N, C-alpha and C. Protein backbone atom coordinates (compact mmCIF):
# COMPACT_ATOMS: atom_id res chain seq x y z
N MET A 1 47.50 -84.58 -16.15
CA MET A 1 46.81 -83.31 -16.22
C MET A 1 46.45 -82.87 -14.80
N LYS A 2 46.78 -81.64 -14.49
CA LYS A 2 46.54 -81.06 -13.17
C LYS A 2 45.08 -80.64 -13.04
N SER A 3 44.50 -80.94 -11.90
CA SER A 3 43.14 -80.51 -11.60
C SER A 3 43.21 -79.27 -10.71
N ILE A 4 42.50 -78.24 -11.09
CA ILE A 4 42.45 -77.00 -10.32
C ILE A 4 41.09 -76.92 -9.66
N LEU A 5 41.09 -76.77 -8.34
CA LEU A 5 39.85 -76.70 -7.58
C LEU A 5 39.51 -75.24 -7.30
N VAL A 6 38.33 -74.83 -7.75
CA VAL A 6 37.83 -73.48 -7.50
C VAL A 6 36.63 -73.62 -6.56
N GLU A 7 36.77 -73.08 -5.34
CA GLU A 7 35.71 -73.16 -4.34
C GLU A 7 35.10 -71.78 -4.16
N VAL A 8 33.81 -71.67 -4.41
CA VAL A 8 33.11 -70.40 -4.29
C VAL A 8 32.18 -70.50 -3.08
N CYS A 9 32.36 -69.59 -2.14
CA CYS A 9 31.51 -69.59 -0.95
C CYS A 9 30.08 -69.26 -1.37
N ALA A 10 29.14 -70.10 -0.96
CA ALA A 10 27.73 -69.90 -1.29
C ALA A 10 26.93 -69.60 -0.04
N GLY A 11 27.61 -69.06 0.98
CA GLY A 11 26.90 -68.63 2.18
C GLY A 11 26.04 -67.41 1.86
N THR A 12 25.15 -67.07 2.75
CA THR A 12 24.21 -65.97 2.52
C THR A 12 24.91 -64.66 2.19
N HIS A 13 25.89 -64.28 2.99
CA HIS A 13 26.58 -63.00 2.76
C HIS A 13 27.28 -62.98 1.41
N CYS A 14 28.04 -64.03 1.12
CA CYS A 14 28.77 -64.07 -0.15
C CYS A 14 27.83 -64.13 -1.35
N THR A 15 26.72 -64.85 -1.20
CA THR A 15 25.74 -64.90 -2.28
C THR A 15 25.18 -63.51 -2.55
N MET A 16 24.88 -62.78 -1.48
CA MET A 16 24.35 -61.42 -1.65
C MET A 16 25.40 -60.47 -2.22
N MET A 17 26.67 -60.78 -2.02
CA MET A 17 27.76 -59.93 -2.51
C MET A 17 28.21 -60.32 -3.92
N GLY A 18 27.58 -61.34 -4.54
CA GLY A 18 27.88 -61.64 -5.93
C GLY A 18 28.51 -62.98 -6.22
N ALA A 19 28.51 -63.91 -5.28
CA ALA A 19 29.14 -65.21 -5.51
C ALA A 19 28.50 -65.97 -6.68
N MET A 20 27.20 -65.87 -6.82
CA MET A 20 26.53 -66.60 -7.90
C MET A 20 26.91 -66.02 -9.27
N ASN A 21 27.18 -64.72 -9.32
CA ASN A 21 27.64 -64.11 -10.57
C ASN A 21 29.00 -64.67 -10.96
N ILE A 22 29.85 -64.92 -9.97
CA ILE A 22 31.17 -65.50 -10.24
C ILE A 22 31.01 -66.92 -10.78
N LEU A 23 30.15 -67.70 -10.15
CA LEU A 23 29.90 -69.06 -10.63
C LEU A 23 29.38 -69.04 -12.06
N ASP A 24 28.42 -68.16 -12.33
CA ASP A 24 27.87 -68.06 -13.69
C ASP A 24 28.95 -67.68 -14.70
N ALA A 25 29.80 -66.74 -14.33
CA ALA A 25 30.85 -66.28 -15.24
C ALA A 25 31.82 -67.41 -15.57
N ILE A 26 32.20 -68.18 -14.57
CA ILE A 26 33.14 -69.28 -14.80
C ILE A 26 32.49 -70.34 -15.69
N HIS A 27 31.24 -70.68 -15.40
CA HIS A 27 30.56 -71.71 -16.19
C HIS A 27 30.25 -71.25 -17.60
N SER A 28 30.10 -69.94 -17.80
CA SER A 28 29.74 -69.45 -19.13
C SER A 28 30.94 -69.37 -20.08
N LEU A 29 32.13 -69.51 -19.56
CA LEU A 29 33.32 -69.40 -20.40
C LEU A 29 33.71 -70.76 -20.97
N GLU A 30 32.81 -71.36 -21.73
CA GLU A 30 33.06 -72.70 -22.27
C GLU A 30 34.23 -72.71 -23.25
N GLU A 31 34.40 -71.62 -24.03
CA GLU A 31 35.52 -71.61 -24.96
C GLU A 31 36.85 -71.56 -24.21
N PHE A 32 36.87 -70.91 -23.05
CA PHE A 32 38.08 -70.91 -22.22
C PHE A 32 38.38 -72.33 -21.76
N GLN A 33 37.36 -73.03 -21.31
CA GLN A 33 37.53 -74.41 -20.86
C GLN A 33 38.07 -75.27 -21.99
N ALA A 34 37.56 -75.06 -23.21
CA ALA A 34 38.02 -75.84 -24.37
C ALA A 34 39.48 -75.53 -24.70
N ASP A 35 39.88 -74.26 -24.57
CA ASP A 35 41.25 -73.86 -24.88
C ASP A 35 42.28 -74.51 -23.96
N ILE A 36 41.89 -74.74 -22.71
CA ILE A 36 42.86 -75.27 -21.76
C ILE A 36 42.70 -76.76 -21.51
N SER A 37 41.74 -77.39 -22.18
CA SER A 37 41.58 -78.83 -21.97
C SER A 37 42.87 -79.53 -22.39
N GLY A 38 43.26 -80.48 -21.61
CA GLY A 38 44.52 -81.16 -21.85
C GLY A 38 45.64 -80.57 -21.03
N VAL A 39 45.49 -79.32 -20.61
CA VAL A 39 46.50 -78.67 -19.77
C VAL A 39 46.09 -78.76 -18.31
N CYS A 40 44.86 -78.37 -18.02
CA CYS A 40 44.36 -78.48 -16.66
C CYS A 40 42.85 -78.67 -16.67
N ASP A 41 42.39 -79.36 -15.67
CA ASP A 41 40.98 -79.64 -15.50
C ASP A 41 40.48 -78.73 -14.38
N ILE A 42 39.49 -77.90 -14.67
CA ILE A 42 38.98 -76.96 -13.68
C ILE A 42 37.72 -77.53 -13.06
N ARG A 43 37.76 -77.69 -11.74
CA ARG A 43 36.60 -78.15 -10.99
C ARG A 43 36.07 -76.99 -10.18
N VAL A 44 34.83 -76.59 -10.44
CA VAL A 44 34.21 -75.47 -9.75
C VAL A 44 33.15 -76.01 -8.80
N VAL A 45 33.26 -75.61 -7.52
CA VAL A 45 32.36 -76.11 -6.50
C VAL A 45 31.82 -74.95 -5.67
N ALA A 46 30.51 -74.91 -5.50
CA ALA A 46 29.91 -73.98 -4.56
C ALA A 46 29.91 -74.68 -3.21
N ILE A 47 30.50 -74.05 -2.21
CA ILE A 47 30.62 -74.69 -0.90
C ILE A 47 29.83 -73.89 0.13
N PRO A 48 29.45 -74.54 1.23
CA PRO A 48 28.74 -73.82 2.29
C PRO A 48 29.61 -72.71 2.86
N CYS A 49 29.05 -71.88 3.66
CA CYS A 49 29.73 -70.72 4.23
C CYS A 49 31.11 -71.09 4.77
N MET A 50 32.10 -70.28 4.40
CA MET A 50 33.47 -70.48 4.87
C MET A 50 33.70 -69.83 6.24
N ASN A 51 32.71 -69.10 6.73
CA ASN A 51 32.80 -68.39 8.01
C ASN A 51 33.93 -67.35 8.03
N LEU A 52 34.24 -66.78 6.88
CA LEU A 52 35.30 -65.78 6.81
C LEU A 52 34.75 -64.35 6.92
N CYS A 53 33.46 -64.19 6.78
CA CYS A 53 32.89 -62.84 6.77
C CYS A 53 32.37 -62.42 8.14
N ARG A 54 32.60 -63.21 9.15
CA ARG A 54 32.11 -62.86 10.49
C ARG A 54 32.69 -61.55 10.99
N ASP A 55 33.98 -61.34 10.77
CA ASP A 55 34.65 -60.16 11.29
C ASP A 55 34.91 -59.11 10.22
N THR A 56 34.48 -59.37 9.01
CA THR A 56 34.78 -58.45 7.92
C THR A 56 33.67 -58.53 6.88
N ALA A 57 33.55 -57.53 6.09
CA ALA A 57 32.55 -57.51 5.02
C ALA A 57 33.25 -57.63 3.67
N GLN A 58 34.24 -58.50 3.56
CA GLN A 58 35.06 -58.59 2.36
C GLN A 58 34.60 -59.66 1.38
N GLY A 59 33.40 -60.15 1.50
CA GLY A 59 32.93 -61.18 0.59
C GLY A 59 32.68 -60.63 -0.79
N PRO A 60 32.46 -61.45 -1.76
CA PRO A 60 32.47 -62.91 -1.67
C PRO A 60 33.88 -63.48 -1.63
N PHE A 61 33.98 -64.67 -1.06
CA PHE A 61 35.27 -65.34 -0.93
C PHE A 61 35.34 -66.51 -1.90
N VAL A 62 36.49 -66.66 -2.55
CA VAL A 62 36.74 -67.75 -3.48
C VAL A 62 38.14 -68.28 -3.19
N ARG A 63 38.30 -69.61 -3.29
CA ARG A 63 39.62 -70.22 -3.19
C ARG A 63 39.93 -70.87 -4.53
N VAL A 64 41.12 -70.58 -5.04
CA VAL A 64 41.62 -71.23 -6.26
C VAL A 64 42.83 -72.04 -5.85
N ASP A 65 42.68 -73.36 -5.84
CA ASP A 65 43.74 -74.26 -5.38
C ASP A 65 44.28 -73.85 -4.01
N GLY A 66 43.38 -73.50 -3.11
CA GLY A 66 43.76 -73.15 -1.75
C GLY A 66 44.11 -71.70 -1.53
N ARG A 67 44.31 -70.92 -2.60
CA ARG A 67 44.64 -69.49 -2.47
C ARG A 67 43.35 -68.70 -2.32
N LEU A 68 43.20 -68.02 -1.19
CA LEU A 68 41.99 -67.27 -0.88
C LEU A 68 41.97 -65.94 -1.62
N ILE A 69 40.82 -65.64 -2.22
CA ILE A 69 40.61 -64.35 -2.87
C ILE A 69 39.44 -63.67 -2.16
N PRO A 70 39.73 -62.67 -1.29
CA PRO A 70 38.63 -61.92 -0.66
C PRO A 70 38.11 -60.87 -1.63
N GLN A 71 36.90 -60.44 -1.44
CA GLN A 71 36.26 -59.46 -2.32
C GLN A 71 36.41 -59.89 -3.78
N ALA A 72 36.18 -61.16 -4.01
CA ALA A 72 36.40 -61.74 -5.34
C ALA A 72 35.44 -61.15 -6.37
N GLU A 73 35.96 -61.00 -7.56
CA GLU A 73 35.17 -60.60 -8.72
C GLU A 73 35.49 -61.59 -9.83
N SER A 74 34.62 -61.68 -10.80
CA SER A 74 34.81 -62.64 -11.89
C SER A 74 36.19 -62.51 -12.52
N GLU A 75 36.62 -61.27 -12.75
CA GLU A 75 37.91 -61.03 -13.42
C GLU A 75 39.08 -61.54 -12.58
N SER A 76 39.06 -61.27 -11.28
CA SER A 76 40.17 -61.70 -10.42
C SER A 76 40.21 -63.22 -10.29
N VAL A 77 39.04 -63.85 -10.27
CA VAL A 77 38.99 -65.30 -10.18
C VAL A 77 39.50 -65.93 -11.47
N MET A 78 39.06 -65.41 -12.61
CA MET A 78 39.52 -65.94 -13.89
C MET A 78 41.03 -65.74 -14.05
N ALA A 79 41.55 -64.62 -13.60
CA ALA A 79 43.00 -64.37 -13.67
C ALA A 79 43.75 -65.39 -12.81
N ALA A 80 43.22 -65.69 -11.62
CA ALA A 80 43.86 -66.67 -10.75
C ALA A 80 43.82 -68.07 -11.37
N ILE A 81 42.70 -68.42 -12.00
CA ILE A 81 42.59 -69.72 -12.66
C ILE A 81 43.59 -69.82 -13.81
N MET A 82 43.66 -68.79 -14.63
CA MET A 82 44.59 -68.81 -15.77
C MET A 82 46.03 -68.86 -15.30
N SER A 83 46.34 -68.15 -14.22
CA SER A 83 47.69 -68.17 -13.67
C SER A 83 48.06 -69.58 -13.20
N ARG A 84 47.13 -70.26 -12.51
CA ARG A 84 47.39 -71.63 -12.05
C ARG A 84 47.56 -72.57 -13.23
N CYS A 85 46.76 -72.39 -14.28
CA CYS A 85 46.90 -73.25 -15.47
C CYS A 85 48.27 -73.05 -16.11
N GLN A 86 48.71 -71.81 -16.20
CA GLN A 86 50.02 -71.53 -16.78
C GLN A 86 51.13 -72.11 -15.93
N GLN A 87 51.00 -72.02 -14.60
CA GLN A 87 52.00 -72.61 -13.71
C GLN A 87 52.03 -74.12 -13.89
N THR A 88 50.85 -74.71 -14.01
CA THR A 88 50.73 -76.15 -14.19
C THR A 88 51.36 -76.57 -15.51
N ALA A 89 51.05 -75.83 -16.58
CA ALA A 89 51.57 -76.17 -17.90
C ALA A 89 53.10 -76.07 -17.92
N GLY A 90 53.64 -75.12 -17.17
CA GLY A 90 55.09 -74.94 -17.13
C GLY A 90 55.81 -76.06 -16.40
N LYS A 91 55.11 -76.76 -15.51
CA LYS A 91 55.72 -77.83 -14.73
C LYS A 91 55.70 -79.16 -15.46
N GLU A 92 54.85 -79.28 -16.47
CA GLU A 92 54.73 -80.56 -17.16
C GLU A 92 55.65 -80.63 -18.35
């Protein structure tokens, strides 16, 4: 089973731009987690500032298996997670 790492920047700027809402949205989708259990394991981690917003105001930043999502929203993050799960399921 493939593990998918979702890293949500929890720096001050990203938090003010909605990073905690993204974390809440991912954690609140328990039925989604149940539907994909056995296909992929989703690990969600709040990480310290990624230092990506120094030159831009594009936060919040999220990485899904290393793929950076600037100006992340719950919907775009969930779409990226589902896409990775489908890619993973297709390889097994």
